[in-house]
């Protein structure tokens, strides 16, 4: 007998949260599946926080930098990236988390979740048209950049230093060292 896995919609997920079912769990919704989020280690917390502060200073009024906040995706996903660089929509975010069309790029800091972030999340983000996605490999101190969203990301490259120019802000040089160390 084959097993059938129950898939959850974003509305189902919201009802579970409202009912308190997920209160004691660190989870996110990925393609209709509720997935545990590993506890954040010290390096993860430090580097993502420092990078967030750096990006806030660097981008100024051009974008909003959201740290560990949910985004809403149409493929029944409600992930919580470490950093989301999004349009400045102010109070509009009182009625919804950023949608793909509001997102300039996303950053995940990865140690124990590296495989999930490189494989699963990169596919989920590409499916909905997020133009750029960065993964910081905390083990190797590298920035892995996914770009050129088509049927998946057509471009993937790794940086260990230097500068990168985000697709949404080609005139802004982002220090890779400020993101990874």
N, C-alpha and C. Protein backbone atom coordinates (compact mmCIF):
# COMPACT_ATOMS: atom_id res chain seq x y z
N UNK A 1 0.84 -1.18 0.00
CA UNK A 1 0.00 0.00 0.00
C UNK A 1 0.88 1.24 0.00
N UNK A 2 0.60 2.16 -0.91
CA UNK A 2 1.36 3.40 -1.01
C UNK A 2 0.86 4.42 0.01
N UNK A 3 1.78 5.15 0.59
CA UNK A 3 1.42 6.19 1.55
C UNK A 3 1.21 7.51 0.82
N UNK A 4 0.21 8.24 1.24
CA UNK A 4 -0.06 9.56 0.69
C UNK A 4 0.23 10.58 1.78
N UNK A 5 1.04 11.56 1.45
CA UNK A 5 1.38 12.61 2.39
C UNK A 5 0.37 13.74 2.27
N UNK A 6 -0.12 14.22 3.40
CA UNK A 6 -1.05 15.35 3.40
C UNK A 6 -0.27 16.63 3.12
N UNK A 7 -0.75 17.44 2.22
CA UNK A 7 -0.14 18.73 1.92
C UNK A 7 -0.99 19.83 2.55
N UNK A 8 -0.34 20.87 3.00
CA UNK A 8 -1.01 21.96 3.67
C UNK A 8 -0.94 23.21 2.80
N UNK A 9 -2.00 23.98 2.80
CA UNK A 9 -2.01 25.27 2.11
C UNK A 9 -1.52 26.34 3.07
N UNK A 10 -1.28 27.50 2.54
CA UNK A 10 -0.90 28.62 3.39
C UNK A 10 -2.03 28.95 4.36
N UNK A 11 -3.28 28.87 3.90
CA UNK A 11 -4.42 29.12 4.80
C UNK A 11 -4.47 28.09 5.92
N UNK A 12 -4.23 26.80 5.60
CA UNK A 12 -4.18 25.77 6.63
C UNK A 12 -3.10 26.11 7.66
N UNK A 13 -1.94 26.50 7.16
CA UNK A 13 -0.80 26.84 8.02
C UNK A 13 -1.16 28.00 8.96
N UNK A 14 -1.80 29.03 8.41
CA UNK A 14 -2.21 30.17 9.23
C UNK A 14 -3.21 29.74 10.31
N UNK A 15 -4.14 28.85 9.96
CA UNK A 15 -5.11 28.37 10.95
C UNK A 15 -4.41 27.59 12.06
N UNK A 16 -3.40 26.78 11.71
CA UNK A 16 -2.66 26.04 12.73
C UNK A 16 -1.92 26.99 13.67
N UNK A 17 -1.35 28.03 13.11
CA UNK A 17 -0.66 29.03 13.93
C UNK A 17 -1.65 29.74 14.84
N UNK A 18 -2.78 30.16 14.28
CA UNK A 18 -3.80 30.86 15.08
C UNK A 18 -4.35 29.98 16.20
N UNK A 19 -4.44 28.68 15.94
CA UNK A 19 -4.96 27.75 16.94
C UNK A 19 -3.90 27.37 17.99
N UNK A 20 -2.67 27.81 17.79
CA UNK A 20 -1.60 27.51 18.75
C UNK A 20 -0.97 26.15 18.58
N UNK A 21 -1.31 25.44 17.50
CA UNK A 21 -0.79 24.09 17.29
C UNK A 21 0.73 24.09 17.12
N UNK A 22 1.26 25.15 16.54
CA UNK A 22 2.69 25.19 16.23
C UNK A 22 3.48 26.09 17.19
N UNK A 23 2.86 26.49 18.30
CA UNK A 23 3.49 27.44 19.22
C UNK A 23 4.87 27.02 19.72
N UNK A 24 5.03 25.78 20.01
CA UNK A 24 6.30 25.30 20.59
C UNK A 24 7.26 24.75 19.54
N UNK A 25 6.97 24.98 18.28
CA UNK A 25 7.79 24.41 17.20
C UNK A 25 8.42 25.52 16.37
N UNK A 26 9.66 25.30 15.96
CA UNK A 26 10.31 26.19 14.98
C UNK A 26 10.15 25.52 13.63
N UNK A 27 9.19 26.01 12.83
CA UNK A 27 8.88 25.37 11.56
C UNK A 27 8.66 26.41 10.47
N UNK A 28 8.69 25.93 9.24
CA UNK A 28 8.32 26.74 8.09
C UNK A 28 7.56 25.84 7.11
N UNK A 29 6.77 26.43 6.24
CA UNK A 29 6.00 25.70 5.27
C UNK A 29 6.75 25.74 3.94
N UNK A 30 7.11 24.55 3.42
CA UNK A 30 7.83 24.45 2.15
C UNK A 30 7.07 23.50 1.23
N UNK A 31 6.51 24.05 0.16
CA UNK A 31 5.74 23.27 -0.81
C UNK A 31 4.65 22.43 -0.12
N UNK A 32 3.98 23.01 0.83
CA UNK A 32 2.89 22.33 1.49
C UNK A 32 3.28 21.38 2.60
N UNK A 33 4.57 21.31 2.90
CA UNK A 33 5.04 20.44 3.99
C UNK A 33 5.58 21.30 5.13
N UNK A 34 5.23 20.93 6.34
CA UNK A 34 5.73 21.65 7.51
C UNK A 34 7.07 21.04 7.89
N UNK A 35 8.10 21.88 7.84
CA UNK A 35 9.48 21.43 8.00
C UNK A 35 10.09 22.10 9.22
N UNK A 36 10.77 21.31 10.06
CA UNK A 36 11.45 21.84 11.23
C UNK A 36 12.62 22.74 10.81
N UNK A 37 12.79 23.83 11.53
CA UNK A 37 13.94 24.71 11.35
C UNK A 37 14.93 24.39 12.46
N UNK A 38 16.17 24.05 12.12
CA UNK A 38 17.13 23.75 13.19
C UNK A 38 17.39 24.98 14.06
N UNK A 39 17.79 24.72 15.30
CA UNK A 39 18.14 25.83 16.18
C UNK A 39 19.31 26.60 15.58
N UNK A 40 19.29 27.90 15.79
CA UNK A 40 20.31 28.78 15.25
C UNK A 40 21.54 28.75 16.15
N UNK A 41 22.68 28.36 15.61
CA UNK A 41 23.92 28.37 16.36
C UNK A 41 24.47 29.78 16.52
N UNK A 42 25.48 29.90 17.35
CA UNK A 42 26.06 31.22 17.64
C UNK A 42 26.61 31.89 16.38
N UNK A 43 27.36 31.13 15.56
CA UNK A 43 27.95 31.72 14.35
C UNK A 43 26.84 32.19 13.40
N UNK A 44 25.83 31.37 13.25
CA UNK A 44 24.70 31.71 12.38
C UNK A 44 24.05 33.01 12.85
N UNK A 45 23.76 33.11 14.13
CA UNK A 45 23.12 34.30 14.69
C UNK A 45 24.00 35.53 14.52
N UNK A 46 25.28 35.39 14.80
CA UNK A 46 26.20 36.53 14.73
C UNK A 46 26.34 37.04 13.30
N UNK A 47 26.71 36.13 12.38
CA UNK A 47 26.98 36.56 11.01
C UNK A 47 25.74 37.11 10.32
N UNK A 48 24.58 36.48 10.50
CA UNK A 48 23.37 36.98 9.84
C UNK A 48 22.97 38.34 10.41
N UNK A 49 23.12 38.53 11.71
CA UNK A 49 22.80 39.81 12.34
C UNK A 49 23.73 40.92 11.85
N UNK A 50 25.02 40.63 11.83
CA UNK A 50 25.99 41.64 11.37
C UNK A 50 25.79 41.97 9.89
N UNK A 51 25.53 40.97 9.07
CA UNK A 51 25.29 41.21 7.65
C UNK A 51 24.02 42.04 7.46
N UNK A 52 23.01 41.76 8.26
CA UNK A 52 21.77 42.53 8.18
C UNK A 52 22.02 44.01 8.48
N UNK A 53 22.77 44.28 9.54
CA UNK A 53 23.09 45.67 9.88
C UNK A 53 23.89 46.35 8.77
N UNK A 54 24.84 45.60 8.20
CA UNK A 54 25.65 46.13 7.10
C UNK A 54 24.76 46.49 5.90
N UNK A 55 23.86 45.58 5.52
CA UNK A 55 23.00 45.83 4.36
C UNK A 55 22.04 46.99 4.62
N UNK A 56 21.56 47.13 5.83
CA UNK A 56 20.68 48.26 6.16
C UNK A 56 21.42 49.57 5.93
N UNK A 57 22.67 49.65 6.41
CA UNK A 57 23.48 50.87 6.21
C UNK A 57 23.77 51.08 4.72
N UNK A 58 24.15 50.02 4.04
CA UNK A 58 24.55 50.11 2.63
C UNK A 58 23.39 50.51 1.72
N UNK A 59 22.24 49.91 1.92
CA UNK A 59 21.10 50.14 1.02
C UNK A 59 20.29 51.37 1.38
N UNK A 60 20.38 51.81 2.62
CA UNK A 60 19.65 53.02 3.03
C UNK A 60 18.17 52.93 2.70
N UNK A 61 17.67 53.95 2.00
CA UNK A 61 16.24 54.02 1.66
C UNK A 61 15.87 53.25 0.40
N UNK A 62 16.81 52.58 -0.22
CA UNK A 62 16.52 51.85 -1.46
C UNK A 62 15.68 50.60 -1.25
N UNK A 63 15.80 50.00 -0.05
CA UNK A 63 15.12 48.73 0.21
C UNK A 63 14.93 48.57 1.71
N UNK A 64 14.08 47.64 2.07
CA UNK A 64 13.92 47.23 3.46
C UNK A 64 14.64 45.91 3.64
N UNK A 65 15.42 45.81 4.70
CA UNK A 65 16.13 44.57 5.01
C UNK A 65 15.41 43.92 6.19
N UNK A 66 14.82 42.76 5.94
CA UNK A 66 14.07 42.05 6.97
C UNK A 66 14.90 40.87 7.46
N UNK A 67 15.06 40.76 8.77
CA UNK A 67 15.86 39.70 9.38
C UNK A 67 14.96 38.64 9.98
N UNK A 68 15.10 37.40 9.49
CA UNK A 68 14.35 36.25 10.02
C UNK A 68 12.86 36.51 10.09
N UNK A 69 12.31 36.98 8.98
CA UNK A 69 10.87 37.23 8.87
C UNK A 69 10.31 36.40 7.71
N UNK A 70 9.06 36.02 7.84
CA UNK A 70 8.41 35.19 6.83
C UNK A 70 8.22 35.93 5.51
N UNK A 71 8.18 35.14 4.44
CA UNK A 71 7.76 35.61 3.13
C UNK A 71 6.65 34.66 2.67
N UNK A 72 5.81 35.10 1.75
CA UNK A 72 4.69 34.30 1.27
C UNK A 72 4.88 34.00 -0.20
N UNK A 73 4.91 32.71 -0.54
CA UNK A 73 5.14 32.28 -1.91
C UNK A 73 3.94 31.49 -2.43
N UNK A 74 3.62 31.60 -3.72
CA UNK A 74 2.42 30.96 -4.25
C UNK A 74 2.52 29.44 -4.40
N UNK A 75 3.67 28.84 -4.11
CA UNK A 75 3.80 27.38 -4.20
C UNK A 75 3.61 26.74 -2.82
N UNK A 76 2.63 27.26 -2.07
CA UNK A 76 2.32 26.79 -0.72
C UNK A 76 3.56 26.75 0.16
N UNK A 77 4.32 27.83 0.10
CA UNK A 77 5.53 27.96 0.92
C UNK A 77 5.48 29.25 1.71
N UNK A 78 5.91 29.13 2.95
CA UNK A 78 5.99 30.29 3.84
C UNK A 78 7.33 30.18 4.59
N UNK A 79 8.45 30.32 3.84
CA UNK A 79 9.75 30.18 4.49
C UNK A 79 10.13 31.43 5.29
N UNK A 80 11.17 31.27 6.09
CA UNK A 80 11.67 32.36 6.93
C UNK A 80 13.16 32.53 6.64
N UNK A 81 13.49 33.23 5.54
CA UNK A 81 14.91 33.41 5.23
C UNK A 81 15.60 34.26 6.30
N UNK A 82 16.90 34.07 6.43
CA UNK A 82 17.66 34.85 7.41
C UNK A 82 17.63 36.33 7.08
N UNK A 83 17.77 36.65 5.80
CA UNK A 83 17.71 38.05 5.35
C UNK A 83 16.89 38.09 4.07
N UNK A 84 15.93 39.00 4.04
CA UNK A 84 15.16 39.27 2.82
C UNK A 84 15.31 40.75 2.51
N UNK A 85 15.80 41.06 1.33
CA UNK A 85 15.92 42.44 0.88
C UNK A 85 14.71 42.68 -0.02
N UNK A 86 13.82 43.57 0.44
CA UNK A 86 12.52 43.71 -0.21
C UNK A 86 12.20 45.17 -0.50
N UNK A 87 11.16 45.35 -1.30
CA UNK A 87 10.67 46.70 -1.59
C UNK A 87 10.22 47.38 -0.30
N UNK A 88 10.38 48.68 -0.28
CA UNK A 88 9.93 49.48 0.87
C UNK A 88 8.44 49.77 0.68
N UNK A 89 7.60 48.92 1.26
CA UNK A 89 6.16 49.10 1.13
C UNK A 89 5.51 49.55 2.43
N UNK A 90 6.32 49.81 3.44
CA UNK A 90 5.82 50.36 4.69
C UNK A 90 4.67 49.57 5.28
N UNK A 91 3.59 50.27 5.56
CA UNK A 91 2.44 49.68 6.27
C UNK A 91 1.72 48.60 5.46
N UNK A 92 1.99 48.51 4.18
CA UNK A 92 1.38 47.43 3.39
C UNK A 92 1.74 46.06 3.96
N UNK A 93 2.92 45.97 4.59
CA UNK A 93 3.33 44.70 5.19
C UNK A 93 2.54 44.37 6.46
N UNK A 94 1.64 45.23 6.87
CA UNK A 94 0.73 44.88 7.96
C UNK A 94 -0.32 43.87 7.49
N UNK A 95 -0.60 43.85 6.18
CA UNK A 95 -1.62 42.95 5.66
C UNK A 95 -1.06 41.72 4.97
N UNK A 96 0.22 41.69 4.69
CA UNK A 96 0.84 40.50 4.09
C UNK A 96 2.35 40.55 4.23
N UNK A 97 2.94 39.36 4.27
CA UNK A 97 4.40 39.27 4.20
C UNK A 97 4.80 39.51 2.75
N UNK A 98 6.07 39.83 2.47
CA UNK A 98 6.47 40.06 1.09
C UNK A 98 6.17 38.87 0.18
N UNK A 99 5.67 39.21 -1.01
CA UNK A 99 5.43 38.24 -2.08
C UNK A 99 6.65 38.23 -3.00
N UNK A 100 6.76 37.27 -3.91
CA UNK A 100 7.93 37.23 -4.80
C UNK A 100 8.19 38.55 -5.53
N UNK A 101 7.13 39.21 -5.97
CA UNK A 101 7.31 40.46 -6.71
C UNK A 101 7.84 41.60 -5.83
N UNK A 102 7.81 41.42 -4.53
CA UNK A 102 8.34 42.43 -3.60
C UNK A 102 9.79 42.16 -3.21
N UNK A 103 10.33 41.01 -3.60
CA UNK A 103 11.64 40.56 -3.10
C UNK A 103 12.75 40.86 -4.11
N UNK A 104 13.78 41.58 -3.65
CA UNK A 104 14.96 41.82 -4.49
C UNK A 104 15.90 40.62 -4.44
N UNK A 105 16.25 40.18 -3.22
CA UNK A 105 17.02 38.96 -3.07
C UNK A 105 16.92 38.44 -1.65
N UNK A 106 17.28 37.16 -1.49
CA UNK A 106 17.21 36.48 -0.20
C UNK A 106 18.58 35.93 0.17
N UNK A 107 18.83 35.83 1.48
CA UNK A 107 20.09 35.26 1.97
C UNK A 107 19.77 34.26 3.07
N UNK A 108 20.37 33.09 2.98
CA UNK A 108 20.29 32.08 4.03
C UNK A 108 21.70 31.82 4.55
N UNK A 109 21.83 31.69 5.86
CA UNK A 109 23.09 31.29 6.51
C UNK A 109 22.93 29.82 6.86
N UNK A 110 23.90 29.00 6.42
CA UNK A 110 23.71 27.56 6.52
C UNK A 110 24.90 26.84 7.12
N UNK A 111 24.57 25.95 8.02
CA UNK A 111 25.52 25.00 8.56
C UNK A 111 24.83 23.64 8.48
N UNK A 112 24.00 23.33 9.48
CA UNK A 112 23.30 22.04 9.46
C UNK A 112 22.21 21.99 8.39
N UNK A 113 21.74 23.14 7.91
CA UNK A 113 20.68 23.16 6.89
C UNK A 113 21.22 23.38 5.48
N UNK A 114 22.53 23.21 5.28
CA UNK A 114 23.14 23.54 3.99
C UNK A 114 22.50 22.80 2.82
N UNK A 115 22.31 21.49 2.95
CA UNK A 115 21.72 20.74 1.84
C UNK A 115 20.32 21.23 1.51
N UNK A 116 19.50 21.47 2.53
CA UNK A 116 18.14 21.97 2.32
C UNK A 116 18.17 23.33 1.63
N UNK A 117 19.06 24.21 2.07
CA UNK A 117 19.12 25.55 1.50
C UNK A 117 19.63 25.54 0.06
N UNK A 118 20.59 24.67 -0.24
CA UNK A 118 21.15 24.60 -1.60
C UNK A 118 20.22 23.88 -2.57
N UNK A 119 19.55 22.86 -2.11
CA UNK A 119 18.73 22.03 -3.00
C UNK A 119 17.26 22.45 -2.98
N UNK A 120 16.62 22.29 -1.85
CA UNK A 120 15.17 22.50 -1.76
C UNK A 120 14.80 23.97 -1.89
N UNK A 121 15.40 24.81 -1.06
CA UNK A 121 15.01 26.22 -1.08
C UNK A 121 15.38 26.91 -2.39
N UNK A 122 16.51 26.56 -2.97
CA UNK A 122 16.86 27.18 -4.25
C UNK A 122 15.80 26.86 -5.31
N UNK A 123 15.29 25.64 -5.31
CA UNK A 123 14.23 25.27 -6.27
C UNK A 123 12.93 26.02 -5.98
N UNK A 124 12.57 26.09 -4.71
CA UNK A 124 11.34 26.79 -4.32
C UNK A 124 11.41 28.26 -4.73
N UNK A 125 12.54 28.91 -4.47
CA UNK A 125 12.68 30.32 -4.81
C UNK A 125 12.72 30.54 -6.32
N UNK A 126 13.37 29.65 -7.05
CA UNK A 126 13.40 29.77 -8.51
C UNK A 126 12.01 29.58 -9.11
N UNK A 127 11.26 28.64 -8.58
CA UNK A 127 9.90 28.36 -9.09
C UNK A 127 9.02 29.59 -9.10
N UNK A 128 9.20 30.47 -8.13
CA UNK A 128 8.33 31.64 -8.00
C UNK A 128 8.96 32.90 -8.57
N UNK A 129 10.14 32.77 -9.17
CA UNK A 129 10.76 33.88 -9.89
C UNK A 129 11.58 34.84 -9.06
N UNK A 130 12.07 34.41 -7.91
CA UNK A 130 12.95 35.29 -7.13
C UNK A 130 14.30 35.35 -7.85
N UNK A 131 14.66 36.53 -8.29
CA UNK A 131 15.78 36.72 -9.22
C UNK A 131 17.14 36.32 -8.66
N UNK A 132 17.30 36.47 -7.34
CA UNK A 132 18.63 36.23 -6.77
C UNK A 132 18.50 35.65 -5.37
N UNK A 133 19.35 34.67 -5.10
CA UNK A 133 19.34 33.96 -3.81
C UNK A 133 20.77 33.65 -3.44
N UNK A 134 21.16 34.03 -2.21
CA UNK A 134 22.51 33.80 -1.72
C UNK A 134 22.45 32.83 -0.55
N UNK A 135 23.40 31.91 -0.52
CA UNK A 135 23.55 30.99 0.61
C UNK A 135 24.96 31.16 1.15
N UNK A 136 25.06 31.45 2.43
CA UNK A 136 26.38 31.54 3.09
C UNK A 136 26.67 30.18 3.71
N UNK A 137 27.71 29.53 3.19
CA UNK A 137 28.17 28.26 3.74
C UNK A 137 29.07 28.60 4.93
N UNK A 138 28.53 28.46 6.13
CA UNK A 138 29.28 28.83 7.33
C UNK A 138 30.48 27.91 7.57
N UNK A 139 30.41 26.68 7.07
CA UNK A 139 31.52 25.73 7.26
C UNK A 139 32.76 26.17 6.48
N UNK A 140 32.56 26.66 5.26
CA UNK A 140 33.69 27.01 4.40
C UNK A 140 33.88 28.51 4.23
N UNK A 141 33.04 29.31 4.87
CA UNK A 141 33.10 30.77 4.73
C UNK A 141 33.05 31.17 3.25
N UNK A 142 31.98 30.71 2.59
CA UNK A 142 31.79 31.01 1.17
C UNK A 142 30.38 31.54 0.95
N UNK A 143 30.26 32.37 -0.08
CA UNK A 143 28.96 32.86 -0.53
C UNK A 143 28.63 32.15 -1.84
N UNK A 144 27.52 31.44 -1.84
CA UNK A 144 27.05 30.74 -3.04
C UNK A 144 25.89 31.55 -3.60
N UNK A 145 26.03 31.99 -4.85
CA UNK A 145 25.07 32.90 -5.46
C UNK A 145 24.30 32.18 -6.56
N UNK A 146 22.97 32.25 -6.47
CA UNK A 146 22.07 31.71 -7.49
C UNK A 146 21.43 32.89 -8.21
N UNK A 147 21.46 32.85 -9.56
CA UNK A 147 20.90 33.93 -10.37
C UNK A 147 20.29 33.36 -11.65
N UNK A 148 19.74 34.27 -12.43
CA UNK A 148 19.20 33.94 -13.75
C UNK A 148 18.10 32.89 -13.64
N UNK A 149 17.04 33.29 -12.99
CA UNK A 149 15.92 32.41 -12.73
C UNK A 149 15.16 32.12 -14.02
N UNK A 150 15.14 30.87 -14.41
CA UNK A 150 14.36 30.40 -15.58
C UNK A 150 13.63 29.16 -15.13
N UNK A 151 14.06 28.01 -15.57
CA UNK A 151 13.53 26.75 -15.06
C UNK A 151 14.55 26.28 -14.03
N UNK A 152 14.49 26.87 -12.85
CA UNK A 152 15.56 26.73 -11.86
C UNK A 152 16.50 27.90 -12.07
N UNK A 153 17.56 27.94 -11.29
CA UNK A 153 18.56 29.00 -11.46
C UNK A 153 19.58 28.53 -12.48
N UNK A 154 19.79 29.34 -13.53
CA UNK A 154 20.72 28.99 -14.60
C UNK A 154 22.16 29.28 -14.22
N UNK A 155 22.35 30.15 -13.24
CA UNK A 155 23.70 30.55 -12.84
C UNK A 155 23.90 30.28 -11.36
N UNK A 156 25.04 29.66 -11.05
CA UNK A 156 25.42 29.41 -9.65
C UNK A 156 26.93 29.56 -9.57
N UNK A 157 27.40 30.42 -8.66
CA UNK A 157 28.84 30.59 -8.49
C UNK A 157 29.15 30.84 -7.03
N UNK A 158 30.40 30.63 -6.67
CA UNK A 158 30.84 30.72 -5.28
C UNK A 158 31.90 31.79 -5.14
N UNK A 159 31.78 32.60 -4.09
CA UNK A 159 32.76 33.64 -3.79
C UNK A 159 33.28 33.46 -2.37
N UNK A 160 34.57 33.77 -2.19
CA UNK A 160 35.16 33.71 -0.85
C UNK A 160 35.70 35.07 -0.43
N UNK A 161 35.49 36.07 -1.26
CA UNK A 161 35.95 37.43 -0.97
C UNK A 161 35.58 38.34 -2.11
N UNK A 162 36.07 39.57 -2.05
CA UNK A 162 35.80 40.53 -3.12
C UNK A 162 34.48 41.25 -2.93
N UNK A 163 33.89 41.64 -4.05
CA UNK A 163 32.62 42.34 -4.02
C UNK A 163 31.64 41.68 -4.98
N UNK A 164 30.36 41.93 -4.73
CA UNK A 164 29.31 41.44 -5.61
C UNK A 164 28.31 42.59 -5.78
N UNK A 165 27.75 42.67 -6.97
CA UNK A 165 26.77 43.70 -7.28
C UNK A 165 25.41 43.01 -7.43
N UNK A 166 24.49 43.19 -6.48
CA UNK A 166 23.18 42.54 -6.57
C UNK A 166 22.45 42.96 -7.84
N UNK A 167 21.75 42.05 -8.45
CA UNK A 167 21.04 42.33 -9.70
C UNK A 167 20.08 43.51 -9.57
N UNK A 168 19.45 43.64 -8.44
CA UNK A 168 18.48 44.72 -8.25
C UNK A 168 19.13 46.09 -8.04
N UNK A 169 20.42 46.09 -7.69
CA UNK A 169 21.13 47.33 -7.40
C UNK A 169 22.54 47.23 -7.98
N UNK A 170 22.63 47.26 -9.30
CA UNK A 170 23.92 47.03 -9.96
C UNK A 170 24.96 48.11 -9.67
N UNK A 171 24.55 49.24 -9.13
CA UNK A 171 25.51 50.29 -8.81
C UNK A 171 26.03 50.18 -7.37
N UNK A 172 25.57 49.20 -6.62
CA UNK A 172 25.98 49.05 -5.22
C UNK A 172 26.89 47.84 -5.08
N UNK A 173 28.10 48.09 -4.61
CA UNK A 173 29.08 47.02 -4.37
C UNK A 173 28.89 46.50 -2.95
N UNK A 174 28.58 45.22 -2.84
CA UNK A 174 28.43 44.57 -1.54
C UNK A 174 29.72 43.81 -1.24
N UNK A 175 30.31 44.09 -0.10
CA UNK A 175 31.51 43.38 0.32
C UNK A 175 31.16 41.95 0.71
N UNK A 176 31.75 40.98 0.03
CA UNK A 176 31.50 39.58 0.37
C UNK A 176 31.97 39.29 1.78
N UNK A 177 33.10 39.89 2.18
CA UNK A 177 33.60 39.68 3.55
C UNK A 177 32.59 40.15 4.59
N UNK A 178 31.86 41.23 4.31
CA UNK A 178 30.86 41.72 5.26
C UNK A 178 29.69 40.77 5.37
N UNK A 179 29.48 39.94 4.37
CA UNK A 179 28.37 38.99 4.38
C UNK A 179 28.80 37.66 5.01
N UNK A 180 30.05 37.24 4.78
CA UNK A 180 30.46 35.90 5.22
C UNK A 180 31.34 35.88 6.47
N UNK A 181 31.84 37.02 6.91
CA UNK A 181 32.74 36.97 8.08
C UNK A 181 32.61 38.19 8.96
